[in-house]
Amino acid sequence: MQAGNLNTRVTIKRLSETSDSYGGTVSTIADYSTIWANKKELGGEVKNENGQRTLYNDIELTVRKKTAENIRHDDVLQIESQTGTYRVTEIFDSKQDFMTTIRATKIA
């Protein structure tokens, strides 16, 4: 894949703990890193759970393999110019050389 195809900016957010003034810790989601990816929409599904309708949107991000080494399964992804966040569901090596594919789901 050519570098020009990596045209979507993705912010990786990670849970971090900071000390508070009382000797305890506070957990927050903070920006960890920003990467470039090729985004592909996979589709969505509406599910009825406990009498409530929920929309699930799935995307597939293709990123450079070296960049993807720092991404964990418990990270949260924020796509630039979109509202909401995506949860990482799968990370695997792409068919293309030196690329990794990340699948993520947005619950709206």
C-alpha atoms as a PDB file:
ATOM      1  CA  MET A   1       0.000   0.000   0.000  1.00  0.00           C
ATOM      2  CA  GLN A   2       1.274   3.433  -0.880  1.00  0.00           C
ATOM      3  CA  ALA A   3       1.726   6.084   1.817  1.00  0.00           C
ATOM      4  CA  GLY A   4      -0.863   8.320   0.131  1.00  0.00           C
ATOM      5  CA  ASN A   5      -3.579   5.756   0.866  1.00  0.00           C
ATOM      6  CA  LEU A   6      -3.057   6.190   4.620  1.00  0.00           C
ATOM      7  CA  ASN A   7      -5.370   9.200   4.676  1.00  0.00           C
ATOM      8  CA  THR A   8      -7.338   8.865   7.914  1.00  0.00           C
ATOM      9  CA  ARG A   9      -5.962  10.265  11.155  1.00  0.00           C
ATOM     10  CA  VAL A  10      -6.670   8.061  14.183  1.00  0.00           C
ATOM     11  CA  THR A  11      -6.065   9.006  17.814  1.00  0.00           C
ATOM     12  CA  ILE A  12      -5.338   6.091  20.128  1.00  0.00           C
ATOM     13  CA  LYS A  13      -6.703   6.571  23.630  1.00  0.00           C
ATOM     14  CA  ARG A  14      -5.573   4.475  26.574  1.00  0.00           C
ATOM     15  CA  LEU A  15      -6.658   4.140  30.185  1.00  0.00           C
ATOM     16  CA  SER A  16      -4.140   5.829  32.474  1.00  0.00           C
ATOM     17  CA  GLU A  17      -3.970   6.293  36.216  1.00  0.00           C
ATOM     18  CA  THR A  18      -2.791   9.475  37.873  1.00  0.00           C
ATOM     19  CA  SER A  19      -2.281  10.280  41.531  1.00  0.00           C
ATOM     20  CA  ASP A  20      -4.763  12.476  43.313  1.00  0.00           C
ATOM     21  CA  SER A  21      -4.002  14.729  46.279  1.00  0.00           C
ATOM     22  CA  TYR A  22      -5.341  12.173  48.784  1.00  0.00           C
ATOM     23  CA  GLY A  23      -2.866   9.371  48.005  1.00  0.00           C
ATOM     24  CA  GLY A  24      -5.176   7.444  45.703  1.00  0.00           C
ATOM     25  CA  THR A  25      -5.391   7.168  41.943  1.00  0.00           C
ATOM     26  CA  VAL A  26      -7.853   8.406  39.357  1.00  0.00           C
ATOM     27  CA  SER A  27      -8.422   6.482  36.108  1.00  0.00           C
ATOM     28  CA  THR A  28      -8.958   8.505  32.952  1.00  0.00           C
ATOM     29  CA  ILE A  29      -8.807   7.868  29.237  1.00  0.00           C
ATOM     30  CA  ALA A  30      -5.989   9.949  27.769  1.00  0.00           C
ATOM     31  CA  ASP A  31      -4.558  10.399  24.278  1.00  0.00           C
ATOM     32  CA  TYR A  32      -1.714   7.941  23.792  1.00  0.00           C
ATOM     33  CA  SER A  33      -0.690   8.355  20.166  1.00  0.00           C
ATOM     34  CA  THR A  34      -1.821   9.521  16.734  1.00  0.00           C
ATOM     35  CA  ILE A  35      -1.439   7.336  13.649  1.00  0.00           C
ATOM     36  CA  TRP A  36      -2.408   7.373   9.985  1.00  0.00           C
ATOM     37  CA  ALA A  37      -4.531   4.582   8.535  1.00  0.00           C
ATOM     38  CA  ASN A  38      -6.589   3.525   5.538  1.00  0.00           C
ATOM     39  CA  LYS A  39     -10.182   3.225   6.780  1.00  0.00           C
ATOM     40  CA  LYS A  40     -12.755   0.900   5.256  1.00  0.00           C
ATOM     41  CA  GLU A  41     -16.366   0.737   6.448  1.00  0.00           C
ATOM     42  CA  LEU A  42     -17.504  -2.860   6.936  1.00  0.00           C
ATOM     43  CA  GLY A  43     -21.128  -2.188   7.785  1.00  0.00           C
ATOM     44  CA  GLY A  44     -23.394  -1.974  10.742  1.00  0.00           C
ATOM     45  CA  GLU A  45     -26.040  -3.847  12.611  1.00  0.00           C
ATOM     46  CA  VAL A  46     -28.959  -2.886  14.831  1.00  0.00           C
ATOM     47  CA  LYS A  47     -29.516  -5.217  17.770  1.00  0.00           C
ATOM     48  CA  ASN A  48     -32.316  -5.357  20.318  1.00  0.00           C
ATOM     49  CA  GLU A  49     -30.926  -5.997  23.781  1.00  0.00           C
ATOM     50  CA  ASN A  50     -33.047  -5.742  26.922  1.00  0.00           C
ATOM     51  CA  GLY A  51     -35.717  -3.811  25.052  1.00  0.00           C
ATOM     52  CA  GLN A  52     -33.240  -1.238  23.775  1.00  0.00           C
ATOM     53  CA  ARG A  53     -32.048  -0.814  20.185  1.00  0.00           C
ATOM     54  CA  THR A  54     -28.296  -0.440  19.761  1.00  0.00           C
ATOM     55  CA  LEU A  55     -26.370   0.347  16.572  1.00  0.00           C
ATOM     56  CA  TYR A  56     -22.997  -1.327  16.005  1.00  0.00           C
ATOM     57  CA  ASN A  57     -20.708   0.087  13.268  1.00  0.00           C
ATOM     58  CA  ASP A  58     -17.673  -1.917  12.149  1.00  0.00           C
ATOM     59  CA  ILE A  59     -14.563  -0.528  10.464  1.00  0.00           C
ATOM     60  CA  GLU A  60     -11.279  -1.949   9.251  1.00  0.00           C
ATOM     61  CA  LEU A  61      -8.080   0.091   9.530  1.00  0.00           C
ATOM     62  CA  THR A  62      -4.913  -0.783   7.648  1.00  0.00           C
ATOM     63  CA  VAL A  63      -1.777   0.652   9.262  1.00  0.00           C
ATOM     64  CA  ARG A  64       1.953   0.104   9.009  1.00  0.00           C
ATOM     65  CA  LYS A  65       3.133  -2.948  10.947  1.00  0.00           C
ATOM     66  CA  LYS A  66       5.693  -0.958  12.958  1.00  0.00           C
ATOM     67  CA  THR A  67       2.990   1.528  14.008  1.00  0.00           C
ATOM     68  CA  ALA A  68       0.571  -1.216  15.078  1.00  0.00           C
ATOM     69  CA  GLU A  69       3.060  -2.812  17.490  1.00  0.00           C
ATOM     70  CA  ASN A  70       2.061  -0.267  20.172  1.00  0.00           C
ATOM     71  CA  ILE A  71      -1.704  -0.823  19.863  1.00  0.00           C
ATOM     72  CA  ARG A  72      -3.407  -3.034  22.455  1.00  0.00           C
ATOM     73  CA  HIS A  73      -6.747  -4.812  22.359  1.00  0.00           C
ATOM     74  CA  ASP A  74      -8.081  -2.646  25.193  1.00  0.00           C
ATOM     75  CA  ASP A  75      -7.328   0.664  23.428  1.00  0.00           C
ATOM     76  CA  VAL A  76     -10.012   3.071  22.246  1.00  0.00           C
ATOM     77  CA  LEU A  77      -9.782   4.664  18.783  1.00  0.00           C
ATOM     78  CA  GLN A  78     -11.053   8.122  17.822  1.00  0.00           C
ATOM     79  CA  ILE A  79     -11.359   8.818  14.091  1.00  0.00           C
ATOM     80  CA  GLU A  80     -10.680  12.430  13.132  1.00  0.00           C
ATOM     81  CA  SER A  81     -13.812  14.423  12.201  1.00  0.00           C
ATOM     82  CA  GLN A  82     -16.176  11.732  13.591  1.00  0.00           C
ATOM     83  CA  THR A  83     -18.047  11.605  16.848  1.00  0.00           C
ATOM     84  CA  GLY A  84     -17.851   8.607  19.134  1.00  0.00           C
ATOM     85  CA  THR A  85     -15.096   6.111  19.748  1.00  0.00           C
ATOM     86  CA  TYR A  86     -14.319   2.628  18.470  1.00  0.00           C
ATOM     87  CA  ARG A  87     -13.228  -0.397  20.489  1.00  0.00           C
ATOM     88  CA  VAL A  88     -10.530  -2.645  19.015  1.00  0.00           C
ATOM     89  CA  THR A  89     -11.905  -6.136  18.344  1.00  0.00           C
ATOM     90  CA  GLU A  90      -9.139  -7.743  16.225  1.00  0.00           C
ATOM     91  CA  ILE A  91      -5.531  -7.070  15.256  1.00  0.00           C
ATOM     92  CA  PHE A  92      -3.897  -9.260  12.620  1.00  0.00           C
ATOM     93  CA  ASP A  93      -1.231  -9.101   9.904  1.00  0.00           C
ATOM     94  CA  SER A  94      -2.547  -7.955   6.565  1.00  0.00           C
ATOM     95  CA  LYS A  95      -2.069  -9.748   3.252  1.00  0.00           C
ATOM     96  CA  GLN A  96       0.037  -6.795   2.168  1.00  0.00           C
ATOM     97  CA  ASP A  97       3.678  -6.655   3.198  1.00  0.00           C
ATOM     98  CA  PHE A  98       4.560  -4.625   6.280  1.00  0.00           C
ATOM     99  CA  MET A  99       0.919  -3.810   7.070  1.00  0.00           C
ATOM    100  CA  THR A 100      -1.418  -4.731   9.923  1.00  0.00           C
ATOM    101  CA  THR A 101      -5.218  -4.750   9.881  1.00  0.00           C
ATOM    102  CA  ILE A 102      -7.249  -3.583  12.877  1.00  0.00           C
ATOM    103  CA  ARG A 103     -10.971  -4.215  13.151  1.00  0.00           C
ATOM    104  CA  ALA A 104     -12.948  -2.021  15.513  1.00  0.00           C
ATOM    105  CA  THR A 105     -16.583  -1.554  16.536  1.00  0.00           C
ATOM    106  CA  LYS A 106     -18.426   1.631  17.458  1.00  0.00           C
ATOM    107  CA  ILE A 107     -21.409   1.281  19.739  1.00  0.00           C
ATOM    108  CA  ALA A 108     -23.859   4.137  19.229  1.00  0.00           C
END
